[in-house]
């Protein structure tokens, strides 16, 4: 199976040697579950897209420091491309920024949360169990890093998981699109480094809680298994 990575941002240049870029993180995570997967990266932030929508079996969007409501040409182009992927029955895994953009593309809403930054490891409650959710869990722990949140789901979306801080943390749209607010691809050391860079923006209490939360175990391998199973389902 070939997965197309729709890259919407890059890791800070001074951190790439240590952590890799965002596509590297996804490749590393997914190959821990299925080493046979192949990947192609498309820098959609700079207008690079597949020559044909069928170039890959499924697609995944990276996160981004941009907001989906920013008046940027590349964001509008990606929103349109997401709609086209769905029309052509192409599978899409939408992460963080992508999760929010899917909501906007299909009639939902994304806003800057009055709750402030979500950082560190959050526990998310599963509301709907799906056939691709193997192994089954009642909750999952995941690294998060966001200010914006999906505040209104598209009318035909199914809420999969959420918590008090981010009620719409994960949803499915039809058979083709699965979205998640958190970052299964982020390592704890990378999450810690990004919190340190943003400490002034995040605020002292949130920063401390975020750093302390990194002691909790995370479920990125379970989530990666879910993602791959979702992509494989017809």
Protein backbone atom coordinates (compact mmCIF):
# COMPACT_ATOMS: atom_id res chain seq x y z
CA UNK A 1 0.00 0.00 0.00
CA UNK A 2 1.29 3.43 -0.97
CA UNK A 3 0.48 6.38 1.30
CA UNK A 4 0.74 9.97 0.10
CA UNK A 5 1.83 12.44 2.78
CA UNK A 6 0.30 15.88 2.21
CA UNK A 7 2.84 18.07 4.00
CA UNK A 8 1.41 21.33 5.36
CA UNK A 9 4.37 22.54 7.43
CA UNK A 10 7.98 21.73 8.32
CA UNK A 11 9.85 21.14 11.55
CA UNK A 12 11.99 24.08 12.65
CA UNK A 13 15.28 23.89 10.68
CA UNK A 14 17.42 23.66 13.81
CA UNK A 15 15.47 20.58 14.98
CA UNK A 16 15.35 18.51 11.78
CA UNK A 17 18.68 16.76 12.34
CA UNK A 18 17.47 15.52 15.74
CA UNK A 19 13.80 14.78 15.06
CA UNK A 20 13.40 14.59 11.29
CA UNK A 21 10.68 16.41 9.39
CA UNK A 22 6.96 15.67 9.74
CA UNK A 23 6.84 13.13 6.89
CA UNK A 24 9.75 11.28 8.54
CA UNK A 25 7.72 11.02 11.74
CA UNK A 26 4.76 9.47 9.93
CA UNK A 27 6.93 7.03 8.01
CA UNK A 28 8.64 5.93 11.20
CA UNK A 29 5.35 5.45 13.07
CA UNK A 30 3.52 3.56 10.32
CA UNK A 31 6.46 1.30 9.49
CA UNK A 32 6.55 0.12 13.11
CA UNK A 33 3.16 -1.43 12.34
CA UNK A 34 3.64 -2.37 8.67
CA UNK A 35 7.21 -2.26 7.32
CA UNK A 36 5.96 -3.00 3.79
CA UNK A 37 4.22 0.37 3.41
CA UNK A 38 5.58 2.82 0.83
CA UNK A 39 5.29 6.59 0.93
CA UNK A 40 5.40 9.67 -1.27
CA UNK A 41 5.53 13.21 0.12
CA UNK A 42 3.79 16.20 -1.49
CA UNK A 43 4.62 19.68 -0.20
CA UNK A 44 1.12 21.09 -0.60
CA UNK A 45 2.07 24.23 1.31
CA UNK A 46 4.13 25.09 -1.77
CA UNK A 47 1.64 23.81 -4.34
CA UNK A 48 3.02 20.29 -4.89
CA UNK A 49 0.33 17.65 -5.47
CA UNK A 50 0.15 14.16 -7.02
CA UNK A 51 0.01 14.15 -10.82
CA UNK A 52 -3.18 12.11 -10.48
CA UNK A 53 -5.42 11.61 -7.47
CA UNK A 54 -4.95 7.85 -7.88
CA UNK A 55 -1.18 8.04 -7.49
CA UNK A 56 -1.50 6.70 -3.93
CA UNK A 57 -3.85 4.25 -2.23
CA UNK A 58 -4.56 6.67 0.60
CA UNK A 59 -3.38 10.01 1.98
CA UNK A 60 -2.45 11.59 5.30
CA UNK A 61 -2.17 15.28 6.17
CA UNK A 62 0.46 16.58 8.56
CA UNK A 63 -0.15 19.19 11.22
CA UNK A 64 0.65 22.86 10.68
CA UNK A 65 1.23 26.03 12.68
CA UNK A 66 -1.22 27.71 10.27
CA UNK A 67 -4.91 28.06 11.08
CA UNK A 68 -7.49 26.71 8.65
CA UNK A 69 -9.29 30.07 8.65
CA UNK A 70 -6.15 31.96 7.52
CA UNK A 71 -6.63 33.64 4.15
CA UNK A 72 -3.95 31.62 2.36
CA UNK A 73 -4.17 30.33 -1.22
CA UNK A 74 -2.55 27.00 -0.35
CA UNK A 75 -5.08 26.34 2.43
CA UNK A 76 -7.98 26.93 0.06
CA UNK A 77 -6.34 24.64 -2.52
CA UNK A 78 -5.91 21.86 0.04
CA UNK A 79 -9.51 22.21 1.18
CA UNK A 80 -10.63 21.75 -2.42
CA UNK A 81 -8.30 18.76 -2.83
CA UNK A 82 -9.75 17.09 0.28
CA UNK A 83 -13.22 17.41 -1.25
CA UNK A 84 -11.92 15.83 -4.47
CA UNK A 85 -10.33 12.95 -2.56
CA UNK A 86 -13.69 12.18 -1.00
CA UNK A 87 -15.50 12.40 -4.35
CA UNK A 88 -13.05 9.85 -5.78
CA UNK A 89 -13.47 7.56 -2.75
CA UNK A 90 -9.87 8.00 -1.70
CA UNK A 91 -9.01 7.31 1.93
CA UNK A 92 -7.71 10.24 3.98
CA UNK A 93 -6.24 10.37 7.48
CA UNK A 94 -6.43 13.99 8.63
CA UNK A 95 -4.20 14.99 11.54
CA UNK A 96 -4.55 18.16 13.67
CA UNK A 97 -4.64 20.95 11.04
CA UNK A 98 -6.04 18.41 8.57
CA UNK A 99 -8.70 17.33 11.10
CA UNK A 100 -9.79 20.96 11.37
CA UNK A 101 -9.68 21.54 7.61
CA UNK A 102 -11.87 18.50 6.94
CA UNK A 103 -14.45 19.95 9.31
CA UNK A 104 -14.37 23.27 7.44
CA UNK A 105 -14.49 21.57 4.03
CA UNK A 106 -17.70 19.71 4.78
CA UNK A 107 -19.71 22.30 6.68
CA UNK A 108 -18.26 22.14 10.18
CA UNK A 109 -16.45 24.89 12.08
CA UNK A 110 -13.01 25.48 13.57
CA UNK A 111 -12.22 28.25 16.05
CA UNK A 112 -9.46 29.32 18.41
CA UNK A 113 -10.38 27.75 21.73
CA UNK A 114 -11.06 29.99 24.74
CA UNK A 115 -9.56 27.15 26.81
CA UNK A 116 -6.13 28.05 25.47
CA UNK A 117 -3.37 25.69 24.40
CA UNK A 118 -3.66 21.93 24.50
CA UNK A 119 -0.17 20.48 25.03
CA UNK A 120 1.45 17.35 26.39
CA UNK A 121 -0.32 14.01 26.71
CA UNK A 122 -4.12 14.05 26.88
CA UNK A 123 -6.46 11.16 27.61
CA UNK A 124 -9.31 10.88 25.09
CA UNK A 125 -12.54 8.92 25.62
CA UNK A 126 -13.81 6.68 22.83
CA UNK A 127 -17.53 7.19 22.15
CA UNK A 128 -18.00 4.94 19.10
CA UNK A 129 -16.23 1.65 18.45
CA UNK A 130 -15.53 0.87 14.81
CA UNK A 131 -14.46 -2.31 13.04
CA UNK A 132 -11.02 -0.84 12.27
CA UNK A 133 -10.39 -0.25 16.00
CA UNK A 134 -8.24 -3.25 16.75
CA UNK A 135 -7.12 -3.48 19.50
CA UNK A 136 -10.26 -2.22 21.24
CA UNK A 137 -9.81 0.41 23.95
CA UNK A 138 -12.10 2.62 26.02
CA UNK A 139 -9.63 5.52 26.02
CA UNK A 140 -6.33 6.45 24.41
CA UNK A 141 -3.46 8.74 25.39
CA UNK A 142 -2.00 10.95 22.70
CA UNK A 143 0.37 13.89 22.38
CA UNK A 144 -1.47 17.11 21.51
CA UNK A 145 -0.30 20.55 20.43
CA UNK A 146 -3.01 23.00 19.36
CA UNK A 147 -4.90 26.20 20.04
CA UNK A 148 -7.64 25.74 17.45
CA UNK A 149 -10.41 23.18 17.83
CA UNK A 150 -13.26 21.78 15.77
CA UNK A 151 -16.25 23.41 17.46
CA UNK A 152 -18.90 22.06 15.08
CA UNK A 153 -18.79 18.77 13.22
CA UNK A 154 -20.05 18.40 9.65
CA UNK A 155 -23.68 17.27 9.64
CA UNK A 156 -22.93 13.75 8.44
CA UNK A 157 -19.81 13.18 10.56
CA UNK A 158 -19.70 10.55 13.29
CA UNK A 159 -17.97 11.53 16.52
CA UNK A 160 -15.49 8.82 17.49
CA UNK A 161 -13.71 10.28 20.53
CA UNK A 162 -13.32 13.37 22.67
CA UNK A 163 -12.74 14.76 26.16
CA UNK A 164 -13.69 17.79 28.25
CA UNK A 165 -10.89 19.93 26.80
CA UNK A 166 -11.49 18.95 23.17
CA UNK A 167 -14.94 17.35 22.74
CA UNK A 168 -14.52 16.75 18.98
CA UNK A 169 -11.13 15.03 19.10
CA UNK A 170 -11.75 12.37 16.48
CA UNK A 171 -14.43 11.85 13.85
CA UNK A 172 -15.20 9.83 10.75
CA UNK A 173 -16.82 11.15 7.59
CA UNK A 174 -18.44 8.41 5.53
CA UNK A 175 -16.18 5.50 4.63
CA UNK A 176 -13.30 7.62 3.31
CA UNK A 177 -12.13 10.13 5.92
CA UNK A 178 -10.85 9.64 9.47
CA UNK A 179 -9.61 12.62 11.47
CA UNK A 180 -7.85 13.17 14.79
CA UNK A 181 -6.83 16.31 16.67
CA UNK A 182 -3.80 14.79 18.41
CA UNK A 183 -0.38 13.83 17.05
CA UNK A 184 0.37 10.11 17.16
CA UNK A 185 3.48 10.84 15.09
CA UNK A 186 5.02 13.16 17.73
CA UNK A 187 7.58 11.69 20.14
CA UNK A 188 7.60 12.91 23.73
CA UNK A 189 11.07 14.50 23.32
CA UNK A 190 9.79 16.47 20.32
CA UNK A 191 6.64 17.49 22.21
CA UNK A 192 8.77 18.66 25.15
CA UNK A 193 11.05 20.67 22.86
CA UNK A 194 8.10 22.39 21.18
CA UNK A 195 6.56 23.25 24.55
CA UNK A 196 9.87 24.82 25.59
CA UNK A 197 9.92 26.95 22.42
CA UNK A 198 6.34 28.09 23.07
CA UNK A 199 6.48 28.40 26.86
CA UNK A 200 5.66 32.13 26.88
CA UNK A 201 2.69 31.65 24.55
CA UNK A 202 1.37 28.60 26.37
CA UNK A 203 1.45 30.10 29.85
CA UNK A 204 3.26 28.91 32.97
CA UNK A 205 0.56 26.63 34.39
CA UNK A 206 -0.28 24.96 31.08
CA UNK A 207 3.41 24.54 30.31
CA UNK A 208 4.07 22.85 33.69
CA UNK A 209 1.05 20.57 33.34
CA UNK A 210 2.09 19.70 29.79
CA UNK A 211 5.63 18.76 30.83
CA UNK A 212 4.32 16.70 33.78
CA UNK A 213 1.87 14.88 31.49
CA UNK A 214 4.73 13.43 29.44
CA UNK A 215 5.18 10.86 32.23
CA UNK A 216 1.99 9.14 31.05
CA UNK A 217 2.20 6.27 28.55
CA UNK A 218 0.93 6.95 25.03
CA UNK A 219 -0.99 4.81 22.55
CA UNK A 220 0.51 5.86 19.22
CA UNK A 221 1.08 2.26 18.08
CA UNK A 222 -2.57 1.33 18.69
CA UNK A 223 -3.64 4.47 16.83
CA UNK A 224 -1.29 3.66 13.94
CA UNK A 225 -2.82 0.18 13.73
CA UNK A 226 -6.29 1.74 13.60
CA UNK A 227 -5.18 4.12 10.86
CA UNK A 228 -3.68 1.40 8.69
CA UNK A 229 -6.70 -0.85 9.14
CA UNK A 230 -8.96 2.07 8.16
CA UNK A 231 -6.91 2.67 5.00
CA UNK A 232 -7.13 -0.99 4.05
CA UNK A 233 -10.89 -1.30 4.46
CA UNK A 234 -12.88 -1.20 1.24
